[in-house]
Amino acid sequence: MAARFRVKRKGIGQMLRMPGMQAEMLRRAERIKTIAQATSPVDENSPDPGHYKASWETDSTARGGRRRDRAVAYVRNTAYYARWVEYGTERVPAHHVLLRAAHTGGSN
């Protein structure tokens, strides 16, 4: 006889918000942050060399996602010019630091 399995949406929601899930999301975010810091460009001619590299941070919450129903973690750079480093400008090529870091370290 085949085994039966009933899905309870409430139980799945609780599983997606449990502390272990939030800890795992934060672990992955920290790994991405480490890779992003290691690959961040440093302009030695700028007034504050290394500011972009030192501005990486992580955060997590149990109520994230589109429906606020799951644990998530965020990796961000707080330097005001971070988006220009990531996506580039007319004069500066894109470095895609966060994209490459997420691709390299997000799944492990």
C-alpha atoms as a PDB file:
ATOM      1  CA  MET A   1       0.000   0.000   0.000  1.00  0.00           C
ATOM      2  CA  ALA A   2       1.282   3.443  -0.905  1.00  0.00           C
ATOM      3  CA  ALA A   3       2.053   5.964   1.802  1.00  0.00           C
ATOM      4  CA  ARG A   4      -0.190   9.029   2.028  1.00  0.00           C
ATOM      5  CA  PHE A   5       1.029  12.508   2.634  1.00  0.00           C
ATOM      6  CA  ARG A   6      -1.071  15.563   3.388  1.00  0.00           C
ATOM      7  CA  VAL A   7       0.364  19.029   3.034  1.00  0.00           C
ATOM      8  CA  LYS A   8      -0.578  21.581   5.638  1.00  0.00           C
ATOM      9  CA  ARG A   9       0.197  25.085   4.445  1.00  0.00           C
ATOM     10  CA  LYS A  10       0.427  26.378   7.992  1.00  0.00           C
ATOM     11  CA  GLY A  11       3.135  23.824   8.773  1.00  0.00           C
ATOM     12  CA  ILE A  12       5.127  24.723   5.665  1.00  0.00           C
ATOM     13  CA  GLY A  13       4.897  28.398   6.612  1.00  0.00           C
ATOM     14  CA  GLN A  14       6.177  27.618  10.093  1.00  0.00           C
ATOM     15  CA  MET A  15       9.040  25.602   8.622  1.00  0.00           C
ATOM     16  CA  LEU A  16      10.032  28.485   6.306  1.00  0.00           C
ATOM     17  CA  ARG A  17      10.176  30.880   9.288  1.00  0.00           C
ATOM     18  CA  MET A  18      11.889  28.669  11.858  1.00  0.00           C
ATOM     19  CA  PRO A  19      15.145  29.894  13.444  1.00  0.00           C
ATOM     20  CA  GLY A  20      17.204  27.198  11.713  1.00  0.00           C
ATOM     21  CA  MET A  21      16.020  28.385   8.306  1.00  0.00           C
ATOM     22  CA  GLN A  22      16.830  31.999   9.188  1.00  0.00           C
ATOM     23  CA  ALA A  23      20.285  30.932  10.410  1.00  0.00           C
ATOM     24  CA  GLU A  24      20.944  29.088   7.138  1.00  0.00           C
ATOM     25  CA  MET A  25      19.896  32.105   5.068  1.00  0.00           C
ATOM     26  CA  LEU A  26      22.224  34.308   7.132  1.00  0.00           C
ATOM     27  CA  ARG A  27      25.075  31.792   6.727  1.00  0.00           C
ATOM     28  CA  ARG A  28      24.680  31.938   2.951  1.00  0.00           C
ATOM     29  CA  ALA A  29      24.500  35.741   3.021  1.00  0.00           C
ATOM     30  CA  GLU A  30      27.718  35.900   5.058  1.00  0.00           C
ATOM     31  CA  ARG A  31      29.427  33.659   2.506  1.00  0.00           C
ATOM     32  CA  ILE A  32      28.277  35.935  -0.333  1.00  0.00           C
ATOM     33  CA  LYS A  33      29.463  38.976   1.645  1.00  0.00           C
ATOM     34  CA  THR A  34      32.916  37.410   2.131  1.00  0.00           C
ATOM     35  CA  ILE A  35      33.264  36.750  -1.598  1.00  0.00           C
ATOM     36  CA  ALA A  36      32.014  40.255  -2.439  1.00  0.00           C
ATOM     37  CA  GLN A  37      34.559  41.819  -0.090  1.00  0.00           C
ATOM     38  CA  ALA A  38      37.363  39.747  -1.578  1.00  0.00           C
ATOM     39  CA  THR A  39      36.480  40.748  -5.134  1.00  0.00           C
ATOM     40  CA  SER A  40      35.598  44.411  -4.490  1.00  0.00           C
ATOM     41  CA  PRO A  41      37.642  46.884  -6.509  1.00  0.00           C
ATOM     42  CA  VAL A  42      39.766  49.397  -4.607  1.00  0.00           C
ATOM     43  CA  ASP A  43      40.664  52.741  -6.198  1.00  0.00           C
ATOM     44  CA  GLU A  44      43.952  53.791  -4.621  1.00  0.00           C
ATOM     45  CA  ASN A  45      43.557  57.302  -6.100  1.00  0.00           C
ATOM     46  CA  SER A  46      40.245  58.017  -4.374  1.00  0.00           C
ATOM     47  CA  PRO A  47      40.052  60.132  -1.196  1.00  0.00           C
ATOM     48  CA  ASP A  48      38.881  57.103   0.799  1.00  0.00           C
ATOM     49  CA  PRO A  49      40.405  53.948  -0.725  1.00  0.00           C
ATOM     50  CA  GLY A  50      38.747  50.763   0.478  1.00  0.00           C
ATOM     51  CA  HIS A  51      35.474  52.413   1.522  1.00  0.00           C
ATOM     52  CA  TYR A  52      33.421  50.345  -0.950  1.00  0.00           C
ATOM     53  CA  LYS A  53      35.147  47.148   0.150  1.00  0.00           C
ATOM     54  CA  ALA A  54      34.458  47.896   3.840  1.00  0.00           C
ATOM     55  CA  SER A  55      30.798  48.837   3.292  1.00  0.00           C
ATOM     56  CA  TRP A  56      29.345  45.331   2.828  1.00  0.00           C
ATOM     57  CA  GLU A  57      26.778  44.205   5.418  1.00  0.00           C
ATOM     58  CA  THR A  58      24.226  41.433   5.937  1.00  0.00           C
ATOM     59  CA  ASP A  59      20.849  41.279   7.627  1.00  0.00           C
ATOM     60  CA  SER A  60      18.136  38.656   8.044  1.00  0.00           C
ATOM     61  CA  THR A  61      14.499  38.407   9.056  1.00  0.00           C
ATOM     62  CA  ALA A  62      11.932  35.651   9.540  1.00  0.00           C
ATOM     63  CA  ARG A  63       9.267  37.689   7.714  1.00  0.00           C
ATOM     64  CA  GLY A  64      10.659  38.303   4.247  1.00  0.00           C
ATOM     65  CA  GLY A  65       9.834  37.518   0.675  1.00  0.00           C
ATOM     66  CA  ARG A  66       7.001  38.885  -1.420  1.00  0.00           C
ATOM     67  CA  ARG A  67       4.335  37.622   0.987  1.00  0.00           C
ATOM     68  CA  ARG A  68       6.387  38.149   4.159  1.00  0.00           C
ATOM     69  CA  ASP A  69       6.058  34.447   4.903  1.00  0.00           C
ATOM     70  CA  ARG A  70       9.629  33.118   4.955  1.00  0.00           C
ATOM     71  CA  ALA A  71      13.101  33.624   6.372  1.00  0.00           C
ATOM     72  CA  VAL A  72      15.378  35.695   4.149  1.00  0.00           C
ATOM     73  CA  ALA A  73      18.799  37.304   4.365  1.00  0.00           C
ATOM     74  CA  TYR A  74      20.075  40.384   2.569  1.00  0.00           C
ATOM     75  CA  VAL A  75      23.536  41.394   1.398  1.00  0.00           C
ATOM     76  CA  ARG A  76      24.016  45.079   0.635  1.00  0.00           C
ATOM     77  CA  ASN A  77      26.694  47.672   0.193  1.00  0.00           C
ATOM     78  CA  THR A  78      26.051  50.965   1.987  1.00  0.00           C
ATOM     79  CA  ALA A  79      28.469  53.085  -0.057  1.00  0.00           C
ATOM     80  CA  TYR A  80      26.434  55.734  -1.904  1.00  0.00           C
ATOM     81  CA  TYR A  81      28.142  54.857  -5.190  1.00  0.00           C
ATOM     82  CA  ALA A  82      27.677  51.057  -4.880  1.00  0.00           C
ATOM     83  CA  ARG A  83      25.096  50.890  -7.678  1.00  0.00           C
ATOM     84  CA  TRP A  84      27.531  52.582 -10.094  1.00  0.00           C
ATOM     85  CA  VAL A  85      30.255  50.064  -9.229  1.00  0.00           C
ATOM     86  CA  GLU A  86      27.818  47.191  -9.731  1.00  0.00           C
ATOM     87  CA  TYR A  87      26.110  48.359 -12.929  1.00  0.00           C
ATOM     88  CA  GLY A  88      28.647  50.827 -14.361  1.00  0.00           C
ATOM     89  CA  THR A  89      28.169  54.231 -15.969  1.00  0.00           C
ATOM     90  CA  GLU A  90      28.914  55.787 -19.344  1.00  0.00           C
ATOM     91  CA  ARG A  91      32.575  56.121 -18.374  1.00  0.00           C
ATOM     92  CA  VAL A  92      33.082  53.258 -15.938  1.00  0.00           C
ATOM     93  CA  PRO A  93      32.487  49.596 -16.816  1.00  0.00           C
ATOM     94  CA  ALA A  94      30.229  47.473 -14.626  1.00  0.00           C
ATOM     95  CA  HIS A  95      32.018  45.276 -12.079  1.00  0.00           C
ATOM     96  CA  HIS A  96      29.019  43.104 -11.053  1.00  0.00           C
ATOM     97  CA  VAL A  97      30.618  42.370  -7.671  1.00  0.00           C
ATOM     98  CA  LEU A  98      27.406  41.283  -5.935  1.00  0.00           C
ATOM     99  CA  LEU A  99      26.129  39.346  -8.937  1.00  0.00           C
ATOM    100  CA  ARG A 100      29.349  37.332  -9.208  1.00  0.00           C
ATOM    101  CA  ALA A 101      29.500  36.780  -5.437  1.00  0.00           C
ATOM    102  CA  ALA A 102      25.904  35.520  -5.330  1.00  0.00           C
ATOM    103  CA  HIS A 103      26.534  33.248  -8.304  1.00  0.00           C
ATOM    104  CA  THR A 104      29.690  31.816  -6.726  1.00  0.00           C
ATOM    105  CA  GLY A 105      28.671  31.495  -3.083  1.00  0.00           C
ATOM    106  CA  GLY A 106      24.910  31.455  -2.905  1.00  0.00           C
ATOM    107  CA  SER A 107      24.289  27.784  -3.484  1.00  0.00           C
ATOM    108  CA  ASN A 108      26.867  26.313  -1.096  1.00  0.00           C
END
